[in-house]
Amino acid sequence: MAERIEIFKALGALRRLVKNPEATEEVFTIIRTLSGQSFEREFKRFEALEQAEALLKADRELLSYLVEDAAEWPPGSFGALYRRFLNLEGLSADGLVKASEGDNLVIEEPRRAKFGRRQRDQHDLWHTLTEYGRDELGELCLLAFTYAQTGNRGIAAIVVVGALKLRPYFGWKVFKAVKQAYRHGKEAQWLPGQIWEHLLTQPTAAVRATLKIQEPTVYWALRGGERFPSLLAH
């Protein structure tokens, strides 16, 4: 699937995102307009996995599990922590669906479209897994982690602009936090290819160990040593 680079649209979306960091729809626009062939590369990597065919052919999509199975996740499981994260943040599992509707990217090929939706619906799972919160610094670090995982240049652009914006508040250490997040993303297992439907029922510590998720110590230090409340184990 050919993807064009649209610099001017991306710059406009970046300006709007800087003014309003809550404008999630602009993130989707930036990623789309600067992504180039990164989505296709990701899809090909996913398609080559042993579990890909079953996930692409499954009647239920990931979002269905996140919305409909939440009450069934056992205490201490990754799913239970994810559910707590959503509740404390006032979020819903399908919250990014609406935000992505403003982006005009239409993927007509069914398998790629399904993979794209699966990618979208993982975002808050990654928040919960990595322990990066939804404050601006946490979102920035998660995007740096995501860039390491996906190689999407649109995400890289957001990280650079975001780090420059936050430097007056955190000093140059904001770049140290971003660098650590990027390194952790490189060293972790490839998250887009994971079978989240299974991992949601597993103990959180076991999931983090299996996927080689490291503690975001620099991010915590910049928050005054405080871990993000909604991500604390319970």
Protein backbone atom coordinates (compact mmCIF):
# COMPACT_ATOMS: atom_id res chain seq x y z
CA MET A 1 0.00 0.00 0.00
CA ALA A 2 1.65 3.24 -1.15
CA GLU A 3 1.73 6.04 1.41
CA ARG A 4 2.61 9.61 0.45
CA ILE A 5 4.55 12.01 2.66
CA GLU A 6 2.44 15.15 3.17
CA ILE A 7 4.74 17.66 4.86
CA PHE A 8 2.42 20.68 4.96
CA LYS A 9 -0.50 18.76 6.39
CA ALA A 10 1.83 17.29 8.99
CA LEU A 11 3.21 20.71 9.97
CA GLY A 12 -0.30 22.09 10.38
CA ALA A 13 -1.28 19.17 12.59
CA LEU A 14 1.93 19.56 14.62
CA ARG A 15 1.17 23.23 15.27
CA ARG A 16 -2.34 22.38 16.43
CA LEU A 17 -1.07 19.57 18.63
CA VAL A 18 1.47 21.87 20.33
CA LYS A 19 -1.33 24.31 21.14
CA ASN A 20 -3.62 21.55 22.38
CA PRO A 21 -1.85 18.36 23.55
CA GLU A 22 -5.26 16.76 24.13
CA ALA A 23 -6.05 16.87 20.39
CA THR A 24 -5.55 13.16 19.82
CA GLU A 25 -6.99 13.39 16.31
CA GLU A 26 -3.95 15.48 15.28
CA VAL A 27 -1.66 12.63 16.33
CA PHE A 28 -3.39 10.33 13.86
CA THR A 29 -3.02 12.96 11.13
CA ILE A 30 0.71 13.41 11.79
CA ILE A 31 1.35 9.69 11.84
CA ARG A 32 -0.55 9.21 8.58
CA THR A 33 1.05 12.09 6.70
CA LEU A 34 4.64 11.23 7.65
CA SER A 35 4.54 7.46 7.95
CA GLY A 36 5.72 6.63 4.43
CA GLN A 37 6.08 2.85 4.11
CA SER A 38 6.30 2.15 7.84
CA PHE A 39 2.77 0.75 8.09
CA GLU A 40 3.38 -1.63 5.21
CA ARG A 41 6.65 -2.78 6.75
CA GLU A 42 4.90 -3.40 10.06
CA PHE A 43 2.11 -5.32 8.39
CA LYS A 44 4.55 -7.54 6.51
CA ARG A 45 6.42 -8.23 9.75
CA PHE A 46 3.15 -9.08 11.48
CA GLU A 47 1.94 -11.23 8.60
CA ALA A 48 5.09 -13.35 8.84
CA LEU A 49 4.36 -14.32 12.46
CA GLU A 50 3.01 -17.76 13.27
CA GLN A 51 -0.02 -16.33 15.09
CA ALA A 52 -0.87 -13.69 12.47
CA GLU A 53 -3.20 -15.77 10.31
CA ALA A 54 -5.38 -16.82 13.24
CA LEU A 55 -5.58 -13.23 14.54
CA LEU A 56 -6.44 -11.84 11.10
CA LYS A 57 -9.12 -14.47 10.50
CA ALA A 58 -10.64 -14.36 13.99
CA ASP A 59 -14.31 -13.31 14.20
CA ARG A 60 -13.60 -11.18 17.27
CA GLU A 61 -11.18 -8.28 17.12
CA LEU A 62 -9.00 -7.07 19.99
CA LEU A 63 -11.38 -4.21 20.80
CA SER A 64 -14.16 -6.72 21.42
CA TYR A 65 -12.08 -8.42 24.12
CA LEU A 66 -11.16 -5.08 25.69
CA VAL A 67 -14.77 -3.94 25.86
CA GLU A 68 -16.69 -7.14 26.53
CA ASP A 69 -14.34 -9.29 28.63
CA ALA A 70 -13.15 -6.74 31.22
CA ALA A 71 -15.22 -8.18 34.07
CA GLU A 72 -13.69 -11.62 33.55
CA TRP A 73 -10.03 -10.70 34.04
CA PRO A 74 -8.79 -12.15 37.36
CA PRO A 75 -7.29 -10.03 40.17
CA GLY A 76 -3.57 -9.48 39.68
CA SER A 77 -3.80 -10.00 35.95
CA PHE A 78 -2.55 -7.60 33.32
CA GLY A 79 -6.16 -7.12 32.21
CA ALA A 80 -7.24 -6.16 35.73
CA LEU A 81 -4.49 -3.52 35.87
CA TYR A 82 -5.51 -2.24 32.44
CA ARG A 83 -9.13 -2.04 33.63
CA ARG A 84 -7.98 -0.04 36.67
CA PHE A 85 -5.96 2.28 34.46
CA LEU A 86 -9.02 3.03 32.32
CA ASN A 87 -11.27 3.57 35.34
CA LEU A 88 -8.90 5.95 37.11
CA GLU A 89 -8.25 7.91 33.94
CA GLY A 90 -11.91 8.11 32.97
CA LEU A 91 -11.22 6.33 29.70
CA SER A 92 -12.95 3.63 27.71
CA ALA A 93 -11.37 0.87 25.66
CA ASP A 94 -12.99 2.24 22.50
CA GLY A 95 -12.00 5.86 23.15
CA LEU A 96 -9.45 6.02 20.33
CA VAL A 97 -12.02 4.89 17.78
CA LYS A 98 -13.71 8.29 17.80
CA ALA A 99 -10.40 10.16 17.83
CA SER A 100 -9.24 8.28 14.74
CA GLU A 101 -12.44 9.00 12.81
CA GLY A 102 -11.25 12.50 11.98
CA ASP A 103 -8.28 11.14 10.08
CA ASN A 104 -9.09 10.49 6.43
CA LEU A 105 -6.88 7.45 5.95
CA VAL A 106 -8.97 4.63 4.56
CA ILE A 107 -7.41 1.18 4.30
CA GLU A 108 -9.53 -0.79 1.87
CA GLU A 109 -7.65 -4.08 2.00
CA PRO A 110 -9.40 -6.01 4.83
CA ARG A 111 -6.36 -7.68 6.38
CA ARG A 112 -4.38 -4.44 6.58
CA ALA A 113 -7.43 -2.59 7.88
CA LYS A 114 -7.84 -5.16 10.64
CA PHE A 115 -4.16 -4.88 11.55
CA GLY A 116 -4.49 -1.09 11.63
CA ARG A 117 -7.41 -1.29 14.06
CA ARG A 118 -5.48 -3.72 16.20
CA GLN A 119 -2.58 -1.28 16.33
CA ARG A 120 -4.87 1.58 17.34
CA ASP A 121 -6.56 -0.37 20.11
CA GLN A 122 -3.28 -1.37 21.78
CA HIS A 123 -2.28 2.15 22.86
CA ASP A 124 -3.60 2.06 26.42
CA LEU A 125 -2.38 -1.50 26.86
CA TRP A 126 1.10 -0.13 26.18
CA HIS A 127 0.53 2.64 28.75
CA THR A 128 -0.35 0.05 31.37
CA LEU A 129 2.48 -2.27 30.42
CA THR A 130 5.29 0.31 30.29
CA GLU A 131 4.07 2.38 33.27
CA TYR A 132 4.20 5.61 31.34
CA GLY A 133 1.28 7.78 32.47
CA ARG A 134 -1.01 10.00 30.45
CA ASP A 135 0.64 13.25 31.55
CA GLU A 136 2.47 15.04 28.74
CA LEU A 137 5.85 13.59 29.67
CA GLY A 138 4.39 10.10 29.94
CA GLU A 139 2.73 10.36 26.55
CA LEU A 140 5.96 11.67 25.05
CA CYS A 141 7.99 8.79 26.47
CA LEU A 142 5.45 6.23 25.30
CA LEU A 143 5.67 7.72 21.81
CA ALA A 144 9.48 7.39 21.91
CA PHE A 145 9.00 3.75 22.95
CA THR A 146 6.48 3.36 20.12
CA TYR A 147 8.84 4.88 17.56
CA ALA A 148 11.49 2.33 18.55
CA GLN A 149 8.94 -0.42 18.01
CA THR A 150 7.45 0.81 14.73
CA GLY A 151 9.97 3.09 13.01
CA ASN A 152 7.15 5.49 12.10
CA ARG A 153 8.62 8.91 11.22
CA GLY A 154 5.40 10.68 12.13
CA ILE A 155 5.80 9.47 15.69
CA ALA A 156 9.44 10.57 15.67
CA ALA A 157 8.39 14.09 14.63
CA ILE A 158 5.93 14.32 17.52
CA VAL A 159 8.61 13.15 19.95
CA VAL A 160 11.12 15.79 18.82
CA VAL A 161 8.61 18.64 18.96
CA GLY A 162 7.20 17.41 22.27
CA ALA A 163 10.63 17.16 23.89
CA LEU A 164 11.48 20.71 22.85
CA LYS A 165 8.18 21.93 24.26
CA LEU A 166 8.74 20.21 27.62
CA ARG A 167 12.39 21.22 28.00
CA PRO A 168 11.56 24.49 29.84
CA TYR A 169 9.73 22.44 32.49
CA PHE A 170 12.10 19.49 32.89
CA GLY A 171 15.39 20.83 31.52
CA TRP A 172 17.59 18.73 29.30
CA LYS A 173 16.69 15.64 31.32
CA VAL A 174 13.55 15.36 29.21
CA PHE A 175 15.81 14.10 26.42
CA LYS A 176 17.31 11.56 28.83
CA ALA A 177 13.80 10.27 29.57
CA VAL A 178 13.00 10.07 25.87
CA LYS A 179 16.29 8.31 25.12
CA GLN A 180 15.60 5.72 27.83
CA ALA A 181 12.08 5.14 26.51
CA TYR A 182 13.43 4.66 22.99
CA ARG A 183 16.08 2.21 24.22
CA HIS A 184 13.49 0.28 26.20
CA GLY A 185 11.33 0.08 23.09
CA LYS A 186 14.26 -1.32 21.11
CA GLU A 187 15.07 -3.92 23.74
CA ALA A 188 11.50 -5.10 24.35
CA GLN A 189 9.74 -7.81 22.42
CA TRP A 190 7.81 -6.56 19.39
CA LEU A 191 4.49 -5.54 20.94
CA PRO A 192 2.38 -5.18 17.75
CA GLY A 193 2.70 -8.92 17.20
CA GLN A 194 1.65 -10.06 20.67
CA ILE A 195 -1.49 -12.09 21.39
CA TRP A 196 -3.02 -9.60 23.84
CA GLU A 197 -6.18 -11.67 24.12
CA HIS A 198 -4.10 -14.23 26.03
CA LEU A 199 -1.80 -11.83 27.86
CA LEU A 200 -4.72 -9.96 29.44
CA THR A 201 -5.48 -12.98 31.62
CA GLN A 202 -1.87 -13.46 32.80
CA PRO A 203 -0.17 -11.97 35.91
CA THR A 204 1.17 -8.50 35.19
CA ALA A 205 4.71 -9.26 36.38
CA ALA A 206 4.87 -12.33 34.16
CA VAL A 207 3.71 -10.36 31.11
CA ARG A 208 6.32 -7.66 31.69
CA ALA A 209 9.05 -10.26 32.13
CA THR A 210 8.04 -12.18 29.00
CA LEU A 211 7.94 -9.04 26.88
CA LYS A 212 11.18 -7.64 28.41
CA ILE A 213 9.56 -4.43 29.65
CA GLN A 214 11.94 -2.35 31.77
CA GLU A 215 11.11 0.19 34.47
CA PRO A 216 11.00 3.83 33.27
CA THR A 217 13.29 5.13 36.02
CA VAL A 218 14.17 8.46 34.39
CA TYR A 219 10.49 9.26 33.83
CA TRP A 220 9.72 8.43 37.46
CA ALA A 221 12.61 10.61 38.65
CA LEU A 222 11.33 13.58 36.67
CA ARG A 223 7.98 13.06 38.33
CA GLY A 224 9.67 13.45 41.71
CA GLY A 225 10.22 9.73 42.17
CA GLU A 226 6.50 9.06 42.01
CA ARG A 227 5.10 6.24 39.93
CA PHE A 228 1.95 7.03 38.03
CA PRO A 229 -0.87 6.23 40.52
CA SER A 230 -3.11 4.31 38.18
CA LEU A 231 -0.27 1.98 37.22
CA LEU A 232 0.74 0.84 40.69
CA ALA A 233 0.32 -2.87 41.22
CA HIS A 234 -2.59 -3.83 43.44
